[in-house]
Amino acid sequence: PRSKVTFEIEPRGPLVKLTVIHDGFEPGSTALGMVREGWPRLLS
């Protein structure tokens, strides 16, 4: 099934808190395994 990604942006003083929620996966999803590997470096 097609997944979706959500970005939540919250100012915290001089910083901004960014929360990335990627959901809509089924258990054992191949796509989830791929985005789990990619998102940390992408956010870096």
All heavy atoms as atom14 arrays in JSON, in Angstrom:
{
  "sequence": "PRSKVTFEIEPRGPLVKLTVIHDGFEPGSTALGMVREGWPRLLS",
  "atom14_mask": [
    [1, 1, 1, 1, 1, 1, 1, 0, 0, 0, 0, 0, 0, 0],
    [1, 1, 1, 1, 1, 1, 1, 1, 1, 1, 1, 0, 0, 0],
    [1, 1, 1, 1, 1, 1, 0, 0, 0, 0, 0, 0, 0, 0],
    [1, 1, 1, 1, 1, 1, 1, 1, 1, 0, 0, 0, 0, 0],
    [1, 1, 1, 1, 1, 1, 1, 0, 0, 0, 0, 0, 0, 0],
    [1, 1, 1, 1, 1, 1, 1, 0, 0, 0, 0, 0, 0, 0],
    [1, 1, 1, 1, 1, 1, 1, 1, 1, 1, 1, 0, 0, 0],
    [1, 1, 1, 1, 1, 1, 1, 1, 1, 0, 0, 0, 0, 0],
    [1, 1, 1, 1, 1, 1, 1, 1, 0, 0, 0, 0, 0, 0],
    [1, 1, 1, 1, 1, 1, 1, 1, 1, 0, 0, 0, 0, 0],
    [1, 1, 1, 1, 1, 1, 1, 0, 0, 0, 0, 0, 0, 0],
    [1, 1, 1, 1, 1, 1, 1, 1, 1, 1, 1, 0, 0, 0],
    [1, 1, 1, 1, 0, 0, 0, 0, 0, 0, 0, 0, 0, 0],
    [1, 1, 1, 1, 1, 1, 1, 0, 0, 0, 0, 0, 0, 0],
    [1, 1, 1, 1, 1, 1, 1, 1, 0, 0, 0, 0, 0, 0],
    [1, 1, 1, 1, 1, 1, 1, 0, 0, 0, 0, 0, 0, 0],
    [1, 1, 1, 1, 1, 1, 1, 1, 1, 0, 0, 0, 0, 0],
    [1, 1, 1, 1, 1, 1, 1, 1, 0, 0, 0, 0, 0, 0],
    [1, 1, 1, 1, 1, 1, 1, 0, 0, 0, 0, 0, 0, 0],
    [1, 1, 1, 1, 1, 1, 1, 0, 0, 0, 0, 0, 0, 0],
    [1, 1, 1, 1, 1, 1, 1, 1, 0, 0, 0, 0, 0, 0],
    [1, 1, 1, 1, 1, 1, 1, 1, 1, 1, 0, 0, 0, 0],
    [1, 1, 1, 1, 1, 1, 1, 1, 0, 0, 0, 0, 0, 0],
    [1, 1, 1, 1, 0, 0, 0, 0, 0, 0, 0, 0, 0, 0],
    [1, 1, 1, 1, 1, 1, 1, 1, 1, 1, 1, 0, 0, 0],
    [1, 1, 1, 1, 1, 1, 1, 1, 1, 0, 0, 0, 0, 0],
    [1, 1, 1, 1, 1, 1, 1, 0, 0, 0, 0, 0, 0, 0],
    [1, 1, 1, 1, 0, 0, 0, 0, 0, 0, 0, 0, 0, 0],
    [1, 1, 1, 1, 1, 1, 0, 0, 0, 0, 0, 0, 0, 0],
    [1, 1, 1, 1, 1, 1, 1, 0, 0, 0, 0, 0, 0, 0],
    [1, 1, 1, 1, 1, 0, 0, 0, 0, 0, 0, 0, 0, 0],
    [1, 1, 1, 1, 1, 1, 1, 1, 0, 0, 0, 0, 0, 0],
    [1, 1, 1, 1, 0, 0, 0, 0, 0, 0, 0, 0, 0, 0],
    [1, 1, 1, 1, 1, 1, 1, 1, 0, 0, 0, 0, 0, 0],
    [1, 1, 1, 1, 1, 1, 1, 0, 0, 0, 0, 0, 0, 0],
    [1, 1, 1, 1, 1, 1, 1, 1, 1, 1, 1, 0, 0, 0],
    [1, 1, 1, 1, 1, 1, 1, 1, 1, 0, 0, 0, 0, 0],
    [1, 1, 1, 1, 0, 0, 0, 0, 0, 0, 0, 0, 0, 0],
    [1, 1, 1, 1, 1, 1, 1, 1, 1, 1, 1, 1, 1, 1],
    [1, 1, 1, 1, 1, 1, 1, 0, 0, 0, 0, 0, 0, 0],
    [1, 1, 1, 1, 1, 1, 1, 1, 1, 1, 1, 0, 0, 0],
    [1, 1, 1, 1, 1, 1, 1, 1, 0, 0, 0, 0, 0, 0],
    [1, 1, 1, 1, 1, 1, 1, 1, 0, 0, 0, 0, 0, 0],
    [1, 1, 1, 1, 1, 1, 0, 0, 0, 0, 0, 0, 0, 0]
  ],
  "atom14_positions": [
    [[0.84, -1.21, 0.0], [0.0, 0.0, 0.0], [0.87, 1.25, 0.0], [2.01, 1.23, 0.48], [-0.81, -0.12, 1.29], [0.0, -1.02, 2.17], [0.69, -1.99, 1.24], [0.0, 0.0, 0.0], [0.0, 0.0, 0.0], [0.0, 0.0, 0.0], [0.0, 0.0, 0.0], [0.0, 0.0, 0.0], [0.0, 0.0, 0.0], [0.0, 0.0, 0.0]],
    [[0.34, 2.32, -0.55], [1.09, 3.58, -0.6], [1.2, 4.18, 0.79], [0.21, 4.28, 1.52], [0.39, 4.56, -1.54], [1.17, 5.86, -1.78], [0.37, 6.8, -2.66], [0.08, 6.21, -3.95], [0.87, 6.29, -5.02], [2.02, 6.95, -4.93], [0.53, 5.72, -6.15], [0.0, 0.0, 0.0], [0.0, 0.0, 0.0], [0.0, 0.0, 0.0]],
    [[2.39, 4.58, 1.16], [2.61, 5.2, 2.47], [2.5, 6.72, 2.35], [2.31, 7.27, 1.26], [3.98, 4.81, 3.01], [5.01, 5.28, 2.15], [0.0, 0.0, 0.0], [0.0, 0.0, 0.0], [0.0, 0.0, 0.0], [0.0, 0.0, 0.0], [0.0, 0.0, 0.0], [0.0, 0.0, 0.0], [0.0, 0.0, 0.0], [0.0, 0.0, 0.0]],
    [[2.63, 7.38, 3.48], [2.62, 8.84, 3.46], [3.66, 9.36, 4.46], [4.04, 8.66, 5.41], [1.25, 9.4, 3.81], [0.81, 9.25, 5.25], [-0.56, 9.87, 5.48], [-0.96, 9.9, 6.95], [-1.11, 8.58, 7.54], [0.0, 0.0, 0.0], [0.0, 0.0, 0.0], [0.0, 0.0, 0.0], [0.0, 0.0, 0.0], [0.0, 0.0, 0.0]],
    [[4.12, 10.58, 4.25], [5.09, 11.2, 5.14], [4.53, 12.52, 5.63], [3.87, 13.25, 4.89], [6.46, 11.4, 4.44], [6.36, 12.35, 3.26], [7.51, 11.89, 5.43], [0.0, 0.0, 0.0], [0.0, 0.0, 0.0], [0.0, 0.0, 0.0], [0.0, 0.0, 0.0], [0.0, 0.0, 0.0], [0.0, 0.0, 0.0], [0.0, 0.0, 0.0]],
    [[4.78, 12.81, 6.9], [4.3, 14.04, 7.52], [5.47, 14.72, 8.23], [6.25, 14.06, 8.93], [3.18, 13.76, 8.53], [2.1, 13.12, 7.87], [2.68, 15.05, 9.17], [0.0, 0.0, 0.0], [0.0, 0.0, 0.0], [0.0, 0.0, 0.0], [0.0, 0.0, 0.0], [0.0, 0.0, 0.0], [0.0, 0.0, 0.0], [0.0, 0.0, 0.0]],
    [[5.58, 16.02, 8.05], [6.61, 16.82, 8.72], [5.91, 17.78, 9.68], [5.07, 18.58, 9.26], [7.42, 17.63, 7.71], [8.08, 16.81, 6.64], [7.42, 16.55, 5.44], [9.36, 16.3, 6.81], [8.01, 15.8, 4.44], [9.97, 15.54, 5.82], [9.29, 15.3, 4.64], [0.0, 0.0, 0.0], [0.0, 0.0, 0.0], [0.0, 0.0, 0.0]],
    [[6.26, 17.7, 10.96], [5.72, 18.61, 11.97], [6.82, 19.56, 12.41], [7.91, 19.12, 12.79], [5.18, 17.82, 13.16], [3.98, 16.94, 12.81], [3.41, 16.22, 14.01], [4.07, 16.22, 15.07], [2.31, 15.64, 13.89], [0.0, 0.0, 0.0], [0.0, 0.0, 0.0], [0.0, 0.0, 0.0], [0.0, 0.0, 0.0], [0.0, 0.0, 0.0]],
    [[6.55, 20.85, 12.33], [7.54, 21.89, 12.58], [7.13, 22.68, 13.82], [6.03, 23.23, 13.87], [7.67, 22.83, 11.37], [8.05, 22.04, 10.11], [8.66, 23.95, 11.65], [7.94, 22.84, 8.84], [0.0, 0.0, 0.0], [0.0, 0.0, 0.0], [0.0, 0.0, 0.0], [0.0, 0.0, 0.0], [0.0, 0.0, 0.0], [0.0, 0.0, 0.0]],
    [[8.02, 22.74, 14.82], [7.71, 23.43, 16.06], [8.89, 24.3, 16.48], [9.95, 23.77, 16.83], [7.41, 22.43, 17.18], [6.29, 21.45, 16.91], [6.18, 20.41, 18.01], [6.02, 20.82, 19.18], [6.29, 19.21, 17.71], [0.0, 0.0, 0.0], [0.0, 0.0, 0.0], [0.0, 0.0, 0.0], [0.0, 0.0, 0.0], [0.0, 0.0, 0.0]],
    [[8.77, 25.63, 16.44], [9.84, 26.49, 16.93], [10.09, 26.26, 18.41], [9.16, 26.15, 19.2], [9.3, 27.91, 16.69], [8.28, 27.73, 15.6], [7.65, 26.39, 15.86], [0.0, 0.0, 0.0], [0.0, 0.0, 0.0], [0.0, 0.0, 0.0], [0.0, 0.0, 0.0], [0.0, 0.0, 0.0], [0.0, 0.0, 0.0], [0.0, 0.0, 0.0]],
    [[11.36, 26.14, 18.78], [11.77, 25.97, 20.17], [12.91, 26.94, 20.46], [14.08, 26.57, 20.43], [12.21, 24.52, 20.44], [11.11, 23.48, 20.28], [10.09, 23.58, 21.41], [9.04, 22.58, 21.29], [9.12, 21.36, 21.83], [10.2, 20.99, 22.48], [8.1, 20.52, 21.7], [0.0, 0.0, 0.0], [0.0, 0.0, 0.0], [0.0, 0.0, 0.0]],
    [[12.58, 28.18, 20.74], [13.6, 29.19, 20.97], [14.41, 29.41, 19.7], [13.84, 29.63, 18.63], [0.0, 0.0, 0.0], [0.0, 0.0, 0.0], [0.0, 0.0, 0.0], [0.0, 0.0, 0.0], [0.0, 0.0, 0.0], [0.0, 0.0, 0.0], [0.0, 0.0, 0.0], [0.0, 0.0, 0.0], [0.0, 0.0, 0.0], [0.0, 0.0, 0.0]],
    [[15.75, 29.31, 19.78], [16.57, 29.51, 18.58], [16.57, 28.3, 17.65], [17.13, 28.36, 16.56], [17.97, 29.74, 19.15], [17.97, 28.96, 20.44], [16.57, 29.1, 20.99], [0.0, 0.0, 0.0], [0.0, 0.0, 0.0], [0.0, 0.0, 0.0], [0.0, 0.0, 0.0], [0.0, 0.0, 0.0], [0.0, 0.0, 0.0], [0.0, 0.0, 0.0]],
    [[15.97, 27.21, 18.08], [15.95, 25.99, 17.3], [14.54, 25.72, 16.77], [13.57, 26.34, 17.17], [16.39, 24.79, 18.15], [17.76, 24.9, 18.83], [18.0, 23.69, 19.71], [18.87, 25.07, 17.81], [0.0, 0.0, 0.0], [0.0, 0.0, 0.0], [0.0, 0.0, 0.0], [0.0, 0.0, 0.0], [0.0, 0.0, 0.0], [0.0, 0.0, 0.0]],
    [[14.47, 24.77, 15.84], [13.19, 24.28, 15.35], [13.19, 22.77, 15.51], [14.12, 22.09, 15.08], [12.96, 24.66, 13.87], [11.66, 24.06, 13.37], [12.92, 26.17, 13.7], [0.0, 0.0, 0.0], [0.0, 0.0, 0.0], [0.0, 0.0, 0.0], [0.0, 0.0, 0.0], [0.0, 0.0, 0.0], [0.0, 0.0, 0.0], [0.0, 0.0, 0.0]],
    [[12.14, 22.27, 16.14], [11.97, 20.83, 16.29], [11.26, 20.3, 15.06], [10.16, 20.74, 14.73], [11.16, 20.51, 17.54], [10.88, 19.02, 17.74], [9.98, 18.79, 18.96], [9.64, 17.32, 19.14], [8.72, 17.1, 20.28], [0.0, 0.0, 0.0], [0.0, 0.0, 0.0], [0.0, 0.0, 0.0], [0.0, 0.0, 0.0], [0.0, 0.0, 0.0]],
    [[11.9, 19.36, 14.38], [11.3, 18.73, 13.2], [11.03, 17.27, 13.51], [11.94, 16.52, 13.84], [12.23, 18.83, 11.99], [11.78, 18.06, 10.74], [10.47, 18.6, 10.19], [12.86, 18.06, 9.67], [0.0, 0.0, 0.0], [0.0, 0.0, 0.0], [0.0, 0.0, 0.0], [0.0, 0.0, 0.0], [0.0, 0.0, 0.0], [0.0, 0.0, 0.0]],
    [[9.76, 16.87, 13.41], [9.38, 15.48, 13.58], [8.9, 14.95, 12.24], [8.03, 15.55, 11.6], [8.26, 15.33, 14.62], [8.71, 15.85, 15.88], [7.88, 13.87, 14.81], [0.0, 0.0, 0.0], [0.0, 0.0, 0.0], [0.0, 0.0, 0.0], [0.0, 0.0, 0.0], [0.0, 0.0, 0.0], [0.0, 0.0, 0.0], [0.0, 0.0, 0.0]],
    [[9.5, 13.85, 11.81], [9.13, 13.21, 10.55], [8.4, 11.92, 10.88], [8.94, 11.06, 11.59], [10.38, 12.92, 9.68], [9.97, 12.22, 8.38], [11.13, 14.2, 9.39], [0.0, 0.0, 0.0], [0.0, 0.0, 0.0], [0.0, 0.0, 0.0], [0.0, 0.0, 0.0], [0.0, 0.0, 0.0], [0.0, 0.0, 0.0], [0.0, 0.0, 0.0]],
    [[7.19, 11.79, 10.38], [6.36, 10.6, 10.6], [6.09, 9.96, 9.24], [5.41, 10.55, 8.4], [5.03, 10.96, 11.27], [5.27, 11.79, 12.53], [4.22, 9.7, 11.59], [4.08, 12.62, 12.94], [0.0, 0.0, 0.0], [0.0, 0.0, 0.0], [0.0, 0.0, 0.0], [0.0, 0.0, 0.0], [0.0, 0.0, 0.0], [0.0, 0.0, 0.0]],
    [[6.63, 8.79, 9.03], [6.4, 8.08, 7.77], [5.61, 6.82, 8.14], [6.12, 5.94, 8.82], [7.73, 7.71, 7.11], [7.6, 7.42, 5.65], [8.6, 7.69, 4.73], [6.58, 6.89, 4.93], [8.19, 7.33, 3.52], [6.97, 6.83, 3.62], [0.0, 0.0, 0.0], [0.0, 0.0, 0.0], [0.0, 0.0, 0.0], [0.0, 0.0, 0.0]],
    [[4.34, 6.76, 7.72], [3.49, 5.66, 8.13], [2.65, 5.15, 6.97], [2.82, 5.57, 5.83], [2.61, 6.06, 9.32], [1.73, 7.26, 9.03], [1.68, 7.71, 7.87], [1.07, 7.76, 9.97], [0.0, 0.0, 0.0], [0.0, 0.0, 0.0], [0.0, 0.0, 0.0], [0.0, 0.0, 0.0], [0.0, 0.0, 0.0], [0.0, 0.0, 0.0]],
    [[1.76, 4.21, 7.29], [0.95, 3.58, 6.26], [1.54, 2.29, 5.75], [1.09, 1.75, 4.74], [0.0, 0.0, 0.0], [0.0, 0.0, 0.0], [0.0, 0.0, 0.0], [0.0, 0.0, 0.0], [0.0, 0.0, 0.0], [0.0, 0.0, 0.0], [0.0, 0.0, 0.0], [0.0, 0.0, 0.0], [0.0, 0.0, 0.0], [0.0, 0.0, 0.0]],
    [[2.57, 1.77, 6.44], [3.22, 0.53, 6.04], [2.49, -0.67, 6.63], [1.84, -0.57, 7.67], [4.68, 0.5, 6.51], [5.51, 1.64, 6.01], [5.84, 2.7, 6.84], [5.98, 1.64, 4.71], [6.62, 3.74, 6.38], [6.76, 2.69, 4.23], [7.08, 3.74, 5.07], [0.0, 0.0, 0.0], [0.0, 0.0, 0.0], [0.0, 0.0, 0.0]],
    [[2.64, -1.79, 6.0], [2.16, -3.04, 6.56], [3.33, -3.77, 7.21], [4.5, -3.51, 6.87], [1.53, -3.92, 5.47], [2.46, -4.22, 4.3], [1.75, -4.93, 3.17], [0.52, -5.0, 3.17], [2.47, -5.44, 2.27], [0.0, 0.0, 0.0], [0.0, 0.0, 0.0], [0.0, 0.0, 0.0], [0.0, 0.0, 0.0], [0.0, 0.0, 0.0]],
    [[3.09, -4.68, 8.17], [4.2, -5.41, 8.8], [5.06, -6.12, 7.76], [4.55, -6.7, 6.8], [3.46, -6.42, 9.7], [2.16, -5.74, 10.02], [1.78, -5.0, 8.77], [0.0, 0.0, 0.0], [0.0, 0.0, 0.0], [0.0, 0.0, 0.0], [0.0, 0.0, 0.0], [0.0, 0.0, 0.0], [0.0, 0.0, 0.0], [0.0, 0.0, 0.0]],
    [[6.37, -6.05, 7.96], [7.29, -6.68, 7.03], [7.5, -5.91, 5.75], [8.05, -6.45, 4.77], [0.0, 0.0, 0.0], [0.0, 0.0, 0.0], [0.0, 0.0, 0.0], [0.0, 0.0, 0.0], [0.0, 0.0, 0.0], [0.0, 0.0, 0.0], [0.0, 0.0, 0.0], [0.0, 0.0, 0.0], [0.0, 0.0, 0.0], [0.0, 0.0, 0.0]],
    [[7.1, -4.65, 5.72], [7.17, -3.83, 4.5], [8.61, -3.67, 3.99], [9.52, -3.33, 4.73], [6.57, -2.45, 4.78], [6.87, -1.54, 3.76], [0.0, 0.0, 0.0], [0.0, 0.0, 0.0], [0.0, 0.0, 0.0], [0.0, 0.0, 0.0], [0.0, 0.0, 0.0], [0.0, 0.0, 0.0], [0.0, 0.0, 0.0], [0.0, 0.0, 0.0]],
    [[8.78, -3.9, 2.68], [10.08, -3.64, 2.04], [10.37, -2.15, 2.01], [11.5, -1.72, 2.24], [10.08, -4.21, 0.62], [9.88, -5.62, 0.66], [11.4, -3.92, -0.09], [0.0, 0.0, 0.0], [0.0, 0.0, 0.0], [0.0, 0.0, 0.0], [0.0, 0.0, 0.0], [0.0, 0.0, 0.0], [0.0, 0.0, 0.0], [0.0, 0.0, 0.0]],
    [[9.34, -1.35, 1.72], [9.52, 0.1, 1.66], [9.94, 0.66, 3.01], [10.79, 1.55, 3.09], [8.24, 0.77, 1.19], [0.0, 0.0, 0.0], [0.0, 0.0, 0.0], [0.0, 0.0, 0.0], [0.0, 0.0, 0.0], [0.0, 0.0, 0.0], [0.0, 0.0, 0.0], [0.0, 0.0, 0.0], [0.0, 0.0, 0.0], [0.0, 0.0, 0.0]],
    [[9.37, 0.13, 4.09], [9.74, 0.61, 5.43], [11.21, 0.35, 5.69], [11.91, 1.21, 6.24], [8.88, -0.08, 6.48], [9.21, 0.23, 7.94], [9.14, 1.72, 8.21], [8.28, -0.53, 8.88], [0.0, 0.0, 0.0], [0.0, 0.0, 0.0], [0.0, 0.0, 0.0], [0.0, 0.0, 0.0], [0.0, 0.0, 0.0], [0.0, 0.0, 0.0]],
    [[11.71, -0.81, 5.31], [13.12, -1.09, 5.49], [14.0, -0.11, 4.75], [15.05, 0.3, 5.23], [0.0, 0.0, 0.0], [0.0, 0.0, 0.0], [0.0, 0.0, 0.0], [0.0, 0.0, 0.0], [0.0, 0.0, 0.0], [0.0, 0.0, 0.0], [0.0, 0.0, 0.0], [0.0, 0.0, 0.0], [0.0, 0.0, 0.0], [0.0, 0.0, 0.0]],
    [[13.56, 0.29, 3.56], [14.35, 1.22, 2.76], [14.34, 2.63, 3.36], [15.38, 3.28, 3.45], [13.83, 1.23, 1.32], [14.06, -0.09, 0.6], [13.32, -0.15, -1.06], [14.35, 1.03, -1.92], [0.0, 0.0, 0.0], [0.0, 0.0, 0.0], [0.0, 0.0, 0.0], [0.0, 0.0, 0.0], [0.0, 0.0, 0.0], [0.0, 0.0, 0.0]],
    [[13.17, 3.12, 3.77], [13.11, 4.48, 4.3], [13.76, 4.54, 5.68], [14.33, 5.58, 6.05], [11.67, 5.02, 4.36], [11.04, 5.02, 2.98], [10.79, 4.24, 5.33], [0.0, 0.0, 0.0], [0.0, 0.0, 0.0], [0.0, 0.0, 0.0], [0.0, 0.0, 0.0], [0.0, 0.0, 0.0], [0.0, 0.0, 0.0], [0.0, 0.0, 0.0]],
    [[13.71, 3.44, 6.44], [14.37, 3.41, 7.74], [15.87, 3.63, 7.59], [16.51, 4.27, 8.42], [14.1, 2.07, 8.44], [14.75, 1.95, 9.81], [14.46, 0.59, 10.41], [13.07, 0.49, 10.79], [12.3, -0.56, 10.57], [12.79, -1.6, 9.94], [11.05, -0.57, 10.98], [0.0, 0.0, 0.0], [0.0, 0.0, 0.0], [0.0, 0.0, 0.0]],
    [[16.43, 3.12, 6.52], [17.86, 3.31, 6.27], [18.17, 4.7, 5.73], [19.21, 5.28, 6.05], [18.34, 2.25, 5.27], [19.83, 2.33, 4.96], [20.27, 1.29, 3.98], [19.5, 0.33, 3.73], [21.39, 1.41, 3.45], [0.0, 0.0, 0.0], [0.0, 0.0, 0.0], [0.0, 0.0, 0.0], [0.0, 0.0, 0.0], [0.0, 0.0, 0.0]],
    [[17.25, 5.24, 4.94], [17.54, 6.51, 4.28], [17.26, 7.75, 5.08], [18.0, 8.74, 4.99], [0.0, 0.0, 0.0], [0.0, 0.0, 0.0], [0.0, 0.0, 0.0], [0.0, 0.0, 0.0], [0.0, 0.0, 0.0], [0.0, 0.0, 0.0], [0.0, 0.0, 0.0], [0.0, 0.0, 0.0], [0.0, 0.0, 0.0], [0.0, 0.0, 0.0]],
    [[16.18, 7.73, 5.91], [15.79, 8.96, 6.6], [16.86, 9.53, 7.53], [17.07, 10.76, 7.55], [14.49, 8.75, 7.37], [13.22, 8.98, 6.59], [12.23, 8.09, 6.36], [12.82, 10.19, 5.93], [11.22, 8.65, 5.59], [11.56, 9.95, 5.32], [13.41, 11.44, 5.79], [10.89, 10.92, 4.59], [12.73, 12.42, 5.06], [11.49, 12.16, 4.47]],
    [[17.57, 8.74, 8.35], [18.55, 9.34, 9.25], [19.61, 10.17, 8.52], [19.94, 11.28, 8.93], [19.17, 8.12, 9.95], [18.1, 7.08, 9.89], [17.44, 7.28, 8.56], [0.0, 0.0, 0.0], [0.0, 0.0, 0.0], [0.0, 0.0, 0.0], [0.0, 0.0, 0.0], [0.0, 0.0, 0.0], [0.0, 0.0, 0.0], [0.0, 0.0, 0.0]],
    [[20.14, 9.64, 7.42], [21.16, 10.38, 6.69], [20.55, 11.58, 5.96], [21.17, 12.63, 5.84], [21.87, 9.45, 5.7], [22.71, 8.37, 6.38], [23.44, 7.51, 5.36], [24.26, 6.5, 6.01], [23.84, 5.29, 6.31], [22.6, 4.93, 6.01], [24.64, 4.42, 6.9], [0.0, 0.0, 0.0], [0.0, 0.0, 0.0], [0.0, 0.0, 0.0]],
    [[19.33, 11.4, 5.47], [18.67, 12.51, 4.79], [18.46, 13.68, 5.75], [18.73, 14.84, 5.41], [17.33, 12.03, 4.23], [16.61, 12.93, 3.22], [15.69, 12.08, 2.34], [15.79, 14.0, 3.91], [0.0, 0.0, 0.0], [0.0, 0.0, 0.0], [0.0, 0.0, 0.0], [0.0, 0.0, 0.0], [0.0, 0.0, 0.0], [0.0, 0.0, 0.0]],
    [[18.01, 13.38, 6.97], [17.8, 14.43, 7.96], [19.12, 15.06, 8.38], [19.18, 16.25, 8.66], [17.06, 13.86, 9.16], [15.6, 13.47, 8.91], [14.99, 12.83, 10.14], [14.78, 14.68, 8.47], [0.0, 0.0, 0.0], [0.0, 0.0, 0.0], [0.0, 0.0, 0.0], [0.0, 0.0, 0.0], [0.0, 0.0, 0.0], [0.0, 0.0, 0.0]],
    [[20.18, 14.26, 8.44], [21.5, 14.82, 8.72], [21.9, 15.81, 7.63], [22.46, 16.87, 7.9], [22.54, 13.71, 8.84], [22.32, 12.91, 9.96], [0.0, 0.0, 0.0], [0.0, 0.0, 0.0], [0.0, 0.0, 0.0], [0.0, 0.0, 0.0], [0.0, 0.0, 0.0], [0.0, 0.0, 0.0], [0.0, 0.0, 0.0], [0.0, 0.0, 0.0]]
  ]
}
